Amino acid sequence: MPRISVDNNSTGGIDGLKRRGKEYLDGFLAVFVVAHCRVVSSGCAHYNAWAITMRIVFMGTPAYSVPVLARLLDAGHHVAAAVTRPDRAAGRGRRLTPPPVKLYAQEHGLPVLQPPSLRRSEAVAQMAALHPQVIVVAAYGRILPPEVLTLPPKGVLNVHPSLIPRHRGPSPVVTALLDGDEVTGVTIILTDEGMDTGPVVAQRREPVLPKDTATVLTERLFHLGAELLVESLPAWEADRIAPVPQDEGKSSTTRLYTKADGEMDWALSARALERRLRAFDAWPGCHTRWRGSGLRVLEGVAVQGGTVGHVPGDVIPMPGMADPPVAVVTGEGALGLVRLQLDGRRPQSAQEFLRGYRDFIGSRLPSEG
């Protein structure tokens, strides 16, 4: 910043002093503008070193919620603690495994809370002692009780991967893929006592790409949600956002899916089954039975032709096609098989599978003998 000096012998005299004074004032104003710059819809540049930050308690559990925590830290917010679910037994050895959010928080020196229940008074007291201005939730995995919702003066903000009020509940991304949605998005909700029923603070749309799986789309939406959250927090802290109530007439609620949902129903259309493969890639997977053994369909694509004279479940060759070389007749069209996995075996391409099981073509799924 320019400094003012007075040289009585200089030729500038009073004019020089005025000029230097103007330079000083311009420099001061430039620093003032930077120091008060915030990310708002009008588009002010973001400077972490000068941005006004908030004291936040973060609540999340799986790997795809980590980018939200990471972005809060990157933006300079003070995360007082990360609250996550208790360690769970996992793997063949059933060893206790910490949630990804816990691992990330510990790597970055954040206190971690893992209450077995948020309805216990000691859990609420621990969170209250942190004095958060706002609580941010990203896939924590439990509905929050009123005692938690009323803790922070700026409320509880939930990063939800759908265009609320569509696809409320536990499986918004999976359901969007099953329904064939061409557009989805992410919503910042001011959480109330219902399941994703609170007013909307911010929302952003995102196209569903033809090859999106639930895993890929979920990761992309939480990255998008992290950016939207960080962009919205300054205006939220300054009371410049008025939450918009949801339109109940447009609401839909998703459900948890079970292993039974992954059973291939060959009476469905090929396109519906292809959507299931993409939606159930992480859980529960898609499976059928062949010769009494479980057969997982890891990847497939809807194809046309070759179904005349066949019934749903028939395994047919795809002449002239290297990938997929085999298909299963469905209620409408056929599902080309790209990758398969027989129980107890490693995943294989359809070509490799056929080399080992030449009698697969001509069989019918599901089959027990």
Protein backbone atom coordinates (compact mmCIF):
# COMPACT_ATOMS: atom_id res chain seq x y z
CA MET A 1 0.00 0.00 0.00
CA PRO A 2 1.39 3.50 -0.85
CA ARG A 3 2.77 5.55 2.06
CA ILE A 4 2.36 9.30 2.42
CA SER A 5 5.47 11.37 2.91
CA VAL A 6 5.84 15.16 2.90
CA ASP A 7 8.90 16.71 1.24
CA ASN A 8 8.83 20.49 1.69
CA ASN A 9 11.60 20.81 -0.88
CA SER A 10 9.89 18.78 -3.58
CA THR A 11 8.39 20.44 -6.59
CA GLY A 12 5.09 18.57 -6.06
CA GLY A 13 4.16 20.58 -2.98
CA ILE A 14 0.50 20.37 -1.96
CA ASP A 15 -0.47 18.77 -5.30
CA GLY A 16 1.94 15.90 -4.65
CA LEU A 17 0.49 15.42 -1.18
CA LYS A 18 -3.05 15.27 -2.59
CA ARG A 19 -1.98 12.77 -5.24
CA ARG A 20 -0.33 10.49 -2.66
CA GLY A 21 -3.36 10.80 -0.41
CA LYS A 22 -5.62 9.65 -3.22
CA GLU A 23 -3.33 6.64 -3.86
CA TYR A 24 -3.49 5.75 -0.16
CA LEU A 25 -7.29 5.95 -0.13
CA ASP A 26 -7.60 3.84 -3.31
CA GLY A 27 -5.33 1.19 -1.80
CA PHE A 28 -7.33 1.13 1.44
CA LEU A 29 -10.62 0.75 -0.42
CA ALA A 30 -9.22 -2.11 -2.52
CA VAL A 31 -8.24 -4.01 0.63
CA PHE A 32 -11.63 -3.24 2.21
CA VAL A 33 -13.49 -4.67 -0.80
CA VAL A 34 -11.42 -7.86 -0.79
CA ALA A 35 -11.89 -8.32 2.95
CA HIS A 36 -15.66 -8.16 2.64
CA CYS A 37 -16.01 -10.13 -0.56
CA ARG A 38 -18.52 -12.99 -0.40
CA VAL A 39 -19.70 -15.64 -2.86
CA VAL A 40 -23.24 -14.56 -3.77
CA SER A 41 -25.45 -14.94 -6.79
CA SER A 42 -24.30 -11.62 -8.18
CA GLY A 43 -20.84 -13.18 -8.55
CA CYS A 44 -18.19 -11.67 -6.31
CA ALA A 45 -14.76 -13.34 -6.47
CA HIS A 46 -13.99 -15.70 -3.58
CA TYR A 47 -10.97 -15.09 -1.37
CA ASN A 48 -10.53 -17.67 1.42
CA ALA A 49 -8.14 -15.47 3.34
CA TRP A 50 -10.71 -12.71 3.77
CA ALA A 51 -14.09 -14.45 3.57
CA ILE A 52 -16.42 -14.34 6.55
CA THR A 53 -16.69 -17.90 7.85
CA MET A 54 -19.05 -19.82 10.11
CA ARG A 55 -18.64 -22.17 13.05
CA ILE A 56 -20.04 -25.49 11.83
CA VAL A 57 -20.70 -28.98 13.12
CA PHE A 58 -20.62 -31.45 10.23
CA MET A 59 -22.66 -34.66 10.20
CA GLY A 60 -22.00 -37.38 7.63
CA THR A 61 -20.91 -40.99 7.30
CA PRO A 62 -20.11 -42.54 3.86
CA ALA A 63 -17.31 -41.75 1.42
CA TYR A 64 -19.50 -39.64 -0.85
CA SER A 65 -20.21 -37.17 1.96
CA VAL A 66 -16.48 -36.50 2.50
CA PRO A 67 -16.27 -33.92 -0.35
CA VAL A 68 -18.79 -31.74 1.50
CA LEU A 69 -16.63 -31.72 4.64
CA ALA A 70 -13.51 -31.17 2.55
CA ARG A 71 -15.04 -28.19 0.74
CA LEU A 72 -16.10 -26.56 4.02
CA LEU A 73 -12.54 -26.78 5.29
CA ASP A 74 -11.15 -25.54 1.98
CA ALA A 75 -13.45 -22.52 2.13
CA GLY A 76 -12.02 -21.59 5.52
CA HIS A 77 -15.02 -22.42 7.69
CA HIS A 78 -14.36 -23.49 11.26
CA VAL A 79 -15.59 -27.08 11.57
CA ALA A 80 -15.85 -27.59 15.32
CA ALA A 81 -16.37 -31.36 15.00
CA ALA A 82 -17.48 -34.14 12.70
CA VAL A 83 -20.37 -36.28 13.91
CA THR A 84 -20.59 -39.70 12.28
CA ARG A 85 -22.04 -43.15 12.85
CA PRO A 86 -20.27 -45.67 15.12
CA ASP A 87 -17.65 -48.04 13.69
CA ARG A 88 -19.19 -51.16 12.15
CA ALA A 89 -18.02 -54.73 11.66
CA ALA A 90 -17.14 -55.33 8.01
CA GLY A 91 -15.40 -57.85 5.79
CA ARG A 92 -14.91 -61.56 6.27
CA GLY A 93 -13.09 -61.01 9.55
CA ARG A 94 -15.92 -58.79 10.80
CA ARG A 95 -13.41 -56.28 12.10
CA LEU A 96 -14.62 -52.91 13.30
CA THR A 97 -14.22 -50.42 10.45
CA PRO A 98 -14.44 -46.64 10.92
CA PRO A 99 -16.68 -44.60 8.59
CA PRO A 100 -14.88 -42.65 5.84
CA VAL A 101 -15.90 -39.33 7.41
CA LYS A 102 -14.19 -40.31 10.66
CA LEU A 103 -10.97 -41.19 8.84
CA TYR A 104 -10.96 -37.90 6.91
CA ALA A 105 -11.74 -35.85 10.01
CA GLN A 106 -8.95 -37.47 12.00
CA GLU A 107 -6.49 -36.91 9.15
CA HIS A 108 -7.31 -33.20 9.34
CA GLY A 109 -7.20 -32.89 13.11
CA LEU A 110 -10.94 -32.52 13.69
CA PRO A 111 -12.68 -33.80 16.83
CA VAL A 112 -14.96 -36.76 16.05
CA LEU A 113 -18.21 -37.68 17.82
CA GLN A 114 -19.83 -41.10 17.26
CA PRO A 115 -22.95 -41.21 19.43
CA PRO A 116 -24.85 -44.51 19.28
CA SER A 117 -28.06 -42.46 19.42
CA LEU A 118 -28.81 -38.77 19.03
CA ARG A 119 -31.77 -39.10 21.37
CA ARG A 120 -29.49 -39.50 24.38
CA SER A 121 -29.09 -36.32 26.39
CA GLU A 122 -25.31 -36.69 26.61
CA ALA A 123 -25.02 -36.72 22.80
CA VAL A 124 -27.04 -33.53 22.50
CA ALA A 125 -25.03 -31.93 25.31
CA GLN A 126 -21.76 -32.74 23.50
CA MET A 127 -23.00 -31.05 20.35
CA ALA A 128 -24.39 -28.07 22.24
CA ALA A 129 -21.01 -27.53 23.91
CA LEU A 130 -19.51 -26.94 20.46
CA HIS A 131 -21.71 -23.83 19.97
CA PRO A 132 -22.26 -24.25 16.23
CA GLN A 133 -23.81 -21.43 14.24
CA VAL A 134 -25.12 -24.01 11.77
CA ILE A 135 -25.09 -27.80 11.43
CA VAL A 136 -24.42 -29.25 7.97
CA VAL A 137 -25.70 -32.76 7.21
CA ALA A 138 -24.60 -34.88 4.24
CA ALA A 139 -25.80 -38.50 4.32
CA TYR A 140 -25.54 -38.94 8.08
CA GLY A 141 -27.99 -41.83 7.96
CA ARG A 142 -30.50 -40.96 10.67
CA ILE A 143 -33.40 -38.53 11.10
CA LEU A 144 -32.35 -35.84 13.58
CA PRO A 145 -34.43 -35.33 16.73
CA PRO A 146 -35.89 -31.90 17.62
CA GLU A 147 -33.24 -31.42 20.32
CA VAL A 148 -30.54 -31.35 17.63
CA LEU A 149 -32.54 -29.32 15.11
CA THR A 150 -32.95 -26.45 17.57
CA LEU A 151 -29.30 -26.29 18.66
CA PRO A 152 -27.75 -23.91 16.08
CA PRO A 153 -29.17 -20.40 15.57
CA LYS A 154 -28.86 -20.78 11.78
CA GLY A 155 -30.53 -24.18 11.74
CA VAL A 156 -29.54 -27.49 10.17
CA LEU A 157 -28.75 -27.54 6.45
CA ASN A 158 -29.02 -30.88 4.63
CA VAL A 159 -27.27 -31.61 1.31
CA HIS A 160 -29.75 -33.90 -0.49
CA PRO A 161 -28.97 -35.44 -3.94
CA SER A 162 -32.26 -34.83 -5.73
CA LEU A 163 -34.48 -32.00 -6.92
CA ILE A 164 -36.64 -31.82 -3.82
CA PRO A 165 -39.58 -32.38 -3.42
CA ARG A 166 -38.96 -35.22 -5.91
CA HIS A 167 -37.23 -38.30 -4.47
CA ARG A 168 -37.25 -37.58 -0.77
CA GLY A 169 -35.93 -40.26 1.53
CA PRO A 170 -33.04 -42.75 1.62
CA SER A 171 -32.50 -43.71 -2.06
CA PRO A 172 -32.90 -40.63 -4.28
CA VAL A 173 -30.13 -41.41 -6.79
CA VAL A 174 -31.07 -45.07 -7.22
CA THR A 175 -34.71 -44.14 -7.72
CA ALA A 176 -33.87 -41.42 -10.24
CA LEU A 177 -32.01 -44.01 -12.34
CA LEU A 178 -34.76 -46.62 -12.00
CA ASP A 179 -37.36 -44.06 -13.09
CA GLY A 180 -35.31 -43.05 -16.10
CA ASP A 181 -35.01 -39.40 -15.03
CA GLU A 182 -33.07 -37.36 -17.58
CA VAL A 183 -32.35 -34.56 -15.10
CA THR A 184 -31.74 -34.67 -11.36
CA GLY A 185 -29.84 -32.33 -9.07
CA VAL A 186 -28.96 -31.38 -5.53
CA THR A 187 -30.91 -29.41 -2.93
CA ILE A 188 -29.87 -27.62 0.26
CA ILE A 189 -32.76 -28.12 2.70
CA LEU A 190 -33.42 -26.32 5.98
CA THR A 191 -34.10 -29.48 7.94
CA ASP A 192 -37.30 -29.93 9.91
CA GLU A 193 -38.69 -32.94 11.78
CA GLY A 194 -39.93 -34.67 8.61
CA MET A 195 -38.00 -36.75 6.07
CA ASP A 196 -36.56 -34.16 3.67
CA THR A 197 -39.69 -32.01 4.02
CA GLY A 198 -38.07 -28.71 5.07
CA PRO A 199 -38.00 -25.55 2.94
CA VAL A 200 -35.49 -25.21 0.11
CA VAL A 201 -32.48 -22.94 0.67
CA ALA A 202 -30.76 -23.57 -2.68
CA GLN A 203 -31.04 -25.98 -5.60
CA ARG A 204 -29.04 -26.88 -8.72
CA ARG A 205 -29.88 -29.16 -11.64
CA GLU A 206 -27.63 -31.83 -13.15
CA PRO A 207 -28.21 -34.01 -16.24
CA VAL A 208 -28.25 -37.78 -15.88
CA LEU A 209 -25.78 -39.18 -18.40
CA PRO A 210 -26.57 -42.35 -20.38
CA LYS A 211 -23.90 -44.45 -18.64
CA ASP A 212 -24.28 -43.04 -15.14
CA THR A 213 -24.35 -45.63 -12.37
CA ALA A 214 -25.63 -44.89 -8.88
CA THR A 215 -22.03 -44.77 -7.64
CA VAL A 216 -20.85 -42.30 -10.29
CA LEU A 217 -23.92 -40.08 -10.13
CA THR A 218 -23.97 -39.97 -6.32
CA GLU A 219 -20.33 -38.85 -6.20
CA ARG A 220 -20.97 -36.17 -8.80
CA LEU A 221 -24.04 -34.84 -7.00
CA PHE A 222 -22.29 -34.55 -3.64
CA HIS A 223 -19.41 -32.65 -5.26
CA LEU A 224 -22.02 -30.37 -6.81
CA GLY A 225 -23.77 -30.07 -3.47
CA ALA A 226 -20.53 -29.14 -1.73
CA GLU A 227 -20.01 -26.23 -4.12
CA LEU A 228 -23.63 -25.09 -3.82
CA LEU A 229 -23.41 -25.20 -0.03
CA VAL A 230 -20.23 -23.12 0.13
CA GLU A 231 -21.69 -20.60 -2.31
CA SER A 232 -24.88 -20.32 -0.23
CA LEU A 233 -23.45 -20.10 3.30
CA PRO A 234 -22.38 -16.41 3.23
CA ALA A 235 -25.83 -15.27 2.13
CA TRP A 236 -27.45 -17.69 4.59
CA GLU A 237 -25.34 -16.31 7.46
CA ALA A 238 -26.34 -12.76 6.49
CA ASP A 239 -30.09 -13.63 6.31
CA ARG A 240 -30.18 -12.88 2.58
CA ILE A 241 -31.87 -16.17 1.65
CA ALA A 242 -35.57 -16.78 2.25
CA PRO A 243 -36.21 -20.56 2.30
CA VAL A 244 -38.98 -21.65 -0.09
CA PRO A 245 -41.59 -24.16 1.19
CA GLN A 246 -41.84 -27.37 -0.81
CA ASP A 247 -44.78 -28.08 -3.11
CA GLU A 248 -46.35 -31.14 -1.47
CA GLY A 249 -48.35 -31.84 -4.63
CA LYS A 250 -45.10 -32.65 -6.46
CA SER A 251 -43.47 -34.72 -3.73
CA SER A 252 -42.36 -38.36 -3.95
CA THR A 253 -40.63 -40.54 -1.37
CA THR A 254 -38.06 -43.25 -2.01
CA ARG A 255 -37.45 -46.43 -0.03
CA LEU A 256 -34.58 -48.63 1.01
CA TYR A 257 -33.83 -51.45 -1.42
CA THR A 258 -33.12 -55.04 -0.41
CA LYS A 259 -31.27 -57.95 -1.98
CA ALA A 260 -34.59 -59.23 -3.35
CA ASP A 261 -34.91 -56.08 -5.46
CA GLY A 262 -31.81 -57.13 -7.39
CA GLU A 263 -33.37 -60.31 -8.81
CA MET A 264 -33.65 -59.99 -12.59
CA ASP A 265 -37.26 -60.08 -13.77
CA TRP A 266 -36.90 -60.98 -17.44
CA ALA A 267 -40.54 -60.04 -18.09
CA LEU A 268 -39.55 -56.38 -17.77
CA SER A 269 -38.30 -54.44 -20.78
CA ALA A 270 -34.62 -54.52 -21.69
CA ARG A 271 -34.33 -50.78 -21.05
CA ALA A 272 -35.85 -51.14 -17.58
CA LEU A 273 -33.38 -53.92 -16.78
CA GLU A 274 -30.47 -51.86 -18.08
CA ARG A 275 -31.54 -49.04 -15.74
CA ARG A 276 -31.58 -51.55 -12.87
CA LEU A 277 -28.02 -52.58 -13.62
CA ARG A 278 -26.89 -48.96 -13.37
CA ALA A 279 -29.04 -48.19 -10.33
CA PHE A 280 -28.09 -51.27 -8.30
CA ASP A 281 -24.35 -51.32 -9.12
CA ALA A 282 -23.30 -50.79 -5.48
CA TRP A 283 -26.24 -52.44 -3.74
CA PRO A 284 -27.95 -54.87 -4.06
CA GLY A 285 -26.49 -55.78 -7.46
CA CYS A 286 -28.48 -57.65 -10.13
CA HIS A 287 -28.61 -61.43 -10.06
CA THR A 288 -30.32 -64.48 -11.50
CA ARG A 289 -29.71 -68.25 -11.31
CA TRP A 290 -28.16 -70.62 -13.81
CA ARG A 291 -27.83 -74.38 -13.29
CA GLY A 292 -28.58 -73.89 -9.59
CA SER A 293 -25.84 -71.32 -8.97
CA GLY A 294 -26.13 -67.59 -8.46
CA LEU A 295 -25.17 -65.52 -11.48
CA ARG A 296 -24.54 -61.80 -11.12
CA VAL A 297 -25.08 -59.58 -14.12
CA LEU A 298 -22.50 -56.84 -13.64
CA GLU A 299 -22.99 -54.94 -16.87
CA GLY A 300 -25.44 -55.09 -19.74
CA VAL A 301 -27.06 -53.04 -22.48
CA ALA A 302 -30.45 -53.08 -24.18
CA VAL A 303 -30.29 -54.44 -27.75
CA GLN A 304 -32.79 -55.09 -30.52
CA GLY A 305 -33.48 -58.10 -32.72
CA GLY A 306 -33.19 -61.87 -32.45
CA THR A 307 -36.10 -62.34 -30.05
CA VAL A 308 -38.70 -63.82 -32.43
CA GLY A 309 -39.75 -67.30 -31.33
CA HIS A 310 -38.28 -66.86 -27.86
CA VAL A 311 -39.73 -66.15 -24.42
CA PRO A 312 -38.36 -63.93 -21.63
CA GLY A 313 -35.35 -65.57 -20.00
CA ASP A 314 -34.08 -67.35 -23.11
CA VAL A 315 -30.31 -66.93 -23.65
CA ILE A 316 -29.60 -66.21 -27.30
CA PRO A 317 -26.49 -65.47 -29.38
CA MET A 318 -25.91 -62.08 -30.93
CA PRO A 319 -24.56 -62.93 -34.42
CA GLY A 320 -22.06 -60.45 -35.77
CA MET A 321 -21.63 -58.72 -32.40
CA ALA A 322 -18.43 -59.02 -30.41
CA ASP A 323 -19.69 -57.00 -27.45
CA PRO A 324 -22.14 -58.14 -26.28
CA PRO A 325 -21.91 -61.60 -27.87
CA VAL A 326 -24.90 -62.96 -25.95
CA ALA A 327 -28.24 -61.64 -24.75
CA VAL A 328 -31.27 -62.60 -22.68
CA VAL A 329 -34.75 -62.15 -24.12
CA THR A 330 -36.91 -59.80 -22.06
CA GLY A 331 -40.50 -58.64 -22.11
CA GLU A 332 -39.48 -56.05 -24.70
CA GLY A 333 -36.22 -56.43 -26.62
CA ALA A 334 -33.17 -58.21 -25.26
CA LEU A 335 -30.54 -57.42 -22.67
CA GLY A 336 -27.02 -57.86 -24.02
CA LEU A 337 -24.69 -59.28 -21.38
CA VAL A 338 -21.32 -57.54 -21.08
CA ARG A 339 -19.88 -58.73 -17.74
CA LEU A 340 -20.93 -61.67 -15.53
CA GLN A 341 -19.89 -63.33 -12.29
CA LEU A 342 -20.82 -66.85 -11.26
CA ASP A 343 -20.94 -67.58 -7.52
CA GLY A 344 -17.46 -68.33 -6.22
CA ARG A 345 -15.77 -67.11 -9.40
CA ARG A 346 -14.16 -63.86 -10.44
CA PRO A 347 -15.95 -61.34 -12.69
CA GLN A 348 -15.59 -62.13 -16.40
CA SER A 349 -16.39 -60.54 -19.72
CA ALA A 350 -19.24 -62.23 -21.58
CA GLN A 351 -16.76 -63.51 -24.19
CA GLU A 352 -14.60 -65.14 -21.51
CA PHE A 353 -17.64 -66.59 -19.77
CA LEU A 354 -18.87 -68.20 -22.99
CA ARG A 355 -15.50 -69.85 -23.61
CA GLY A 356 -15.80 -71.60 -20.26
CA TYR A 357 -19.54 -72.36 -20.43
CA ARG A 358 -20.48 -73.08 -24.05
CA ASP A 359 -23.88 -74.50 -23.03
CA PHE A 360 -24.93 -71.11 -21.61
CA ILE A 361 -26.39 -70.10 -24.99
CA GLY A 362 -29.67 -71.95 -25.46
CA SER A 363 -30.44 -72.15 -21.74
CA ARG A 364 -33.19 -70.27 -19.93
CA LEU A 365 -32.88 -67.99 -16.91
CA PRO A 366 -33.45 -68.50 -14.10
CA SER A 367 -32.67 -72.21 -14.01
CA GLU A 368 -31.97 -74.62 -11.17
CA GLY A 369 -30.59 -77.65 -12.98
